[in-house]
Amino acid sequence: MAAVDIKGTMKDFCSPACLLSFKSDAGSTQAPQRLCSRCNAACTTLCQLTLNESVHTFCGNSCLGDFRRDNVADCEHCGAAFCHEPLKLKLEEDKSVCSQECLDRLKEVLRSHRER
């Protein structure tokens, strides 16, 4: 016995009971439910943040804001958001930067301001 699934692929079945089971399961197919990256609740709204090639889904702006506060920093040189451990430049106040390149550029900017 054979049937075609929703993608147009031919499927073979060993018995009418297996074919019937496949048809009833295929009719109730739903998209997988996403869980909030912050509170693990089921997400009904689509609020996503992509960081370092990972997609994080949130149930709302509150969880998105909490996640950003706890996991995301903004580079104080280029403004890019990042979620790895920042490089620190110790001055009167600490500066967080996203990469060695931004750290080097920030040092140059600070040197040029001091030389004035």
C-alpha atoms as a PDB file:
ATOM      1  CA  MET A   1       0.000   0.000   0.000  1.00  0.00           C
ATOM      2  CA  ALA A   2       1.299   3.488  -0.803  1.00  0.00           C
ATOM      3  CA  ALA A   3       0.353   7.067  -0.004  1.00  0.00           C
ATOM      4  CA  VAL A   4       1.792  10.507  -0.683  1.00  0.00           C
ATOM      5  CA  ASP A   5       2.693  12.741   2.281  1.00  0.00           C
ATOM      6  CA  ILE A   6       2.266  16.536   2.460  1.00  0.00           C
ATOM      7  CA  LYS A   7       5.696  17.057   0.865  1.00  0.00           C
ATOM      8  CA  GLY A   8       4.762  14.899  -2.121  1.00  0.00           C
ATOM      9  CA  THR A   9       6.949  11.972  -1.047  1.00  0.00           C
ATOM     10  CA  MET A  10       5.668   8.453  -1.768  1.00  0.00           C
ATOM     11  CA  LYS A  11       5.330   6.351   1.417  1.00  0.00           C
ATOM     12  CA  ASP A  12       4.913   2.556   1.531  1.00  0.00           C
ATOM     13  CA  PHE A  13       2.891   0.867   4.295  1.00  0.00           C
ATOM     14  CA  CYS A  14       2.725  -2.749   5.409  1.00  0.00           C
ATOM     15  CA  SER A  15      -1.002  -2.780   6.155  1.00  0.00           C
ATOM     16  CA  PRO A  16      -4.188  -0.716   5.953  1.00  0.00           C
ATOM     17  CA  ALA A  17      -3.906  -0.134   9.726  1.00  0.00           C
ATOM     18  CA  CYS A  18      -0.466   1.503   9.287  1.00  0.00           C
ATOM     19  CA  LEU A  19      -1.776   3.603   6.388  1.00  0.00           C
ATOM     20  CA  LEU A  20      -4.751   4.735   8.499  1.00  0.00           C
ATOM     21  CA  SER A  21      -2.447   5.579  11.417  1.00  0.00           C
ATOM     22  CA  PHE A  22      -0.214   7.653   9.116  1.00  0.00           C
ATOM     23  CA  LYS A  23      -3.177   9.545   7.679  1.00  0.00           C
ATOM     24  CA  SER A  24      -4.592  10.384  11.117  1.00  0.00           C
ATOM     25  CA  ASP A  25      -1.169  11.550  12.393  1.00  0.00           C
ATOM     26  CA  ALA A  26      -0.524  13.622   9.251  1.00  0.00           C
ATOM     27  CA  GLY A  27      -3.828  15.460   9.674  1.00  0.00           C
ATOM     28  CA  SER A  28      -2.929  16.677  13.143  1.00  0.00           C
ATOM     29  CA  THR A  29       0.586  17.804  12.287  1.00  0.00           C
ATOM     30  CA  GLN A  30       1.429  21.107  13.934  1.00  0.00           C
ATOM     31  CA  ALA A  31       4.518  23.227  13.824  1.00  0.00           C
ATOM     32  CA  PRO A  32       6.788  22.519  16.786  1.00  0.00           C
ATOM     33  CA  GLN A  33       6.056  24.849  19.673  1.00  0.00           C
ATOM     34  CA  ARG A  34       8.854  27.218  20.642  1.00  0.00           C
ATOM     35  CA  LEU A  35       9.832  27.866  24.236  1.00  0.00           C
ATOM     36  CA  CYS A  36      10.912  31.214  25.622  1.00  0.00           C
ATOM     37  CA  SER A  37      14.698  31.390  26.051  1.00  0.00           C
ATOM     38  CA  ARG A  38      14.195  33.285  29.314  1.00  0.00           C
ATOM     39  CA  CYS A  39      11.247  31.705  31.183  1.00  0.00           C
ATOM     40  CA  ASN A  40      10.671  28.473  29.169  1.00  0.00           C
ATOM     41  CA  ALA A  41       6.983  29.303  28.612  1.00  0.00           C
ATOM     42  CA  ALA A  42       5.382  28.366  25.301  1.00  0.00           C
ATOM     43  CA  CYS A  43       5.699  31.281  22.870  1.00  0.00           C
ATOM     44  CA  THR A  44       2.549  32.463  21.157  1.00  0.00           C
ATOM     45  CA  THR A  45       4.139  35.634  19.784  1.00  0.00           C
ATOM     46  CA  LEU A  46       7.191  35.594  17.594  1.00  0.00           C
ATOM     47  CA  CYS A  47       9.841  37.714  19.274  1.00  0.00           C
ATOM     48  CA  GLN A  48      13.363  36.599  18.351  1.00  0.00           C
ATOM     49  CA  LEU A  49      16.936  37.710  18.883  1.00  0.00           C
ATOM     50  CA  THR A  50      19.881  36.298  16.925  1.00  0.00           C
ATOM     51  CA  LEU A  51      23.259  36.375  18.660  1.00  0.00           C
ATOM     52  CA  ASN A  52      26.415  34.582  17.575  1.00  0.00           C
ATOM     53  CA  GLU A  53      24.398  32.603  15.008  1.00  0.00           C
ATOM     54  CA  SER A  54      21.970  31.304  17.684  1.00  0.00           C
ATOM     55  CA  VAL A  55      18.291  32.218  17.518  1.00  0.00           C
ATOM     56  CA  HIS A  56      16.642  32.954  20.867  1.00  0.00           C
ATOM     57  CA  THR A  57      12.824  33.117  21.044  1.00  0.00           C
ATOM     58  CA  PHE A  58      10.871  35.049  23.678  1.00  0.00           C
ATOM     59  CA  CYS A  59       7.265  35.107  24.847  1.00  0.00           C
ATOM     60  CA  GLY A  60       7.272  38.907  25.022  1.00  0.00           C
ATOM     61  CA  ASN A  61       9.234  42.114  25.348  1.00  0.00           C
ATOM     62  CA  SER A  62       9.687  41.691  29.098  1.00  0.00           C
ATOM     63  CA  CYS A  63      11.585  38.403  28.719  1.00  0.00           C
ATOM     64  CA  LEU A  64      13.534  39.812  25.759  1.00  0.00           C
ATOM     65  CA  GLY A  65      14.578  42.804  27.875  1.00  0.00           C
ATOM     66  CA  ASP A  66      15.579  40.598  30.816  1.00  0.00           C
ATOM     67  CA  PHE A  67      17.601  38.325  28.519  1.00  0.00           C
ATOM     68  CA  ARG A  68      19.395  41.282  26.925  1.00  0.00           C
ATOM     69  CA  ARG A  69      20.168  42.777  30.342  1.00  0.00           C
ATOM     70  CA  ASP A  70      21.630  39.503  31.644  1.00  0.00           C
ATOM     71  CA  ASN A  71      23.343  38.161  28.503  1.00  0.00           C
ATOM     72  CA  VAL A  72      24.023  40.933  26.021  1.00  0.00           C
ATOM     73  CA  ALA A  73      26.436  43.837  26.179  1.00  0.00           C
ATOM     74  CA  ASP A  74      26.939  46.686  23.738  1.00  0.00           C
ATOM     75  CA  CYS A  75      30.472  47.442  22.611  1.00  0.00           C
ATOM     76  CA  GLU A  76      31.480  50.868  23.892  1.00  0.00           C
ATOM     77  CA  HIS A  77      33.509  51.480  20.739  1.00  0.00           C
ATOM     78  CA  CYS A  78      31.437  50.234  17.772  1.00  0.00           C
ATOM     79  CA  GLY A  79      28.028  49.773  19.454  1.00  0.00           C
ATOM     80  CA  ALA A  80      27.616  46.145  18.319  1.00  0.00           C
ATOM     81  CA  ALA A  81      25.659  43.810  20.594  1.00  0.00           C
ATOM     82  CA  PHE A  82      27.504  40.702  21.756  1.00  0.00           C
ATOM     83  CA  CYS A  83      26.933  37.921  24.271  1.00  0.00           C
ATOM     84  CA  HIS A  84      30.394  36.563  24.983  1.00  0.00           C
ATOM     85  CA  GLU A  85      32.603  37.705  27.849  1.00  0.00           C
ATOM     86  CA  PRO A  86      33.636  41.267  26.956  1.00  0.00           C
ATOM     87  CA  LEU A  87      37.196  42.489  26.880  1.00  0.00           C
ATOM     88  CA  LYS A  88      37.703  45.136  29.575  1.00  0.00           C
ATOM     89  CA  LEU A  89      39.715  48.330  29.428  1.00  0.00           C
ATOM     90  CA  LYS A  90      40.432  49.697  32.910  1.00  0.00           C
ATOM     91  CA  LEU A  91      40.241  53.486  33.141  1.00  0.00           C
ATOM     92  CA  GLU A  92      38.440  55.753  35.569  1.00  0.00           C
ATOM     93  CA  GLU A  93      35.490  53.564  34.637  1.00  0.00           C
ATOM     94  CA  ASP A  94      35.567  50.162  32.929  1.00  0.00           C
ATOM     95  CA  LYS A  95      34.819  49.990  29.205  1.00  0.00           C
ATOM     96  CA  SER A  96      33.419  46.806  27.604  1.00  0.00           C
ATOM     97  CA  VAL A  97      34.331  46.031  24.012  1.00  0.00           C
ATOM     98  CA  CYS A  98      33.359  43.167  21.730  1.00  0.00           C
ATOM     99  CA  SER A  99      36.716  42.250  20.179  1.00  0.00           C
ATOM    100  CA  GLN A 100      40.444  42.780  20.242  1.00  0.00           C
ATOM    101  CA  GLU A 101      40.074  44.974  17.151  1.00  0.00           C
ATOM    102  CA  CYS A 102      37.642  47.318  18.941  1.00  0.00           C
ATOM    103  CA  LEU A 103      39.868  47.326  22.026  1.00  0.00           C
ATOM    104  CA  ASP A 104      42.853  48.416  19.919  1.00  0.00           C
ATOM    105  CA  ARG A 105      40.797  51.109  18.167  1.00  0.00           C
ATOM    106  CA  LEU A 106      39.421  52.421  21.460  1.00  0.00           C
ATOM    107  CA  LYS A 107      42.954  52.647  22.875  1.00  0.00           C
ATOM    108  CA  GLU A 108      44.007  54.688  19.824  1.00  0.00           C
ATOM    109  CA  VAL A 109      41.050  57.055  20.251  1.00  0.00           C
ATOM    110  CA  LEU A 110      41.874  57.534  23.931  1.00  0.00           C
ATOM    111  CA  ARG A 111      45.576  58.126  23.172  1.00  0.00           C
ATOM    112  CA  SER A 112      44.738  60.762  20.578  1.00  0.00           C
ATOM    113  CA  HIS A 113      42.453  62.568  23.084  1.00  0.00           C
ATOM    114  CA  ARG A 114      45.209  62.584  25.726  1.00  0.00           C
ATOM    115  CA  GLU A 115      47.794  63.950  23.283  1.00  0.00           C
ATOM    116  CA  ARG A 116      45.675  67.016  22.584  1.00  0.00           C
END
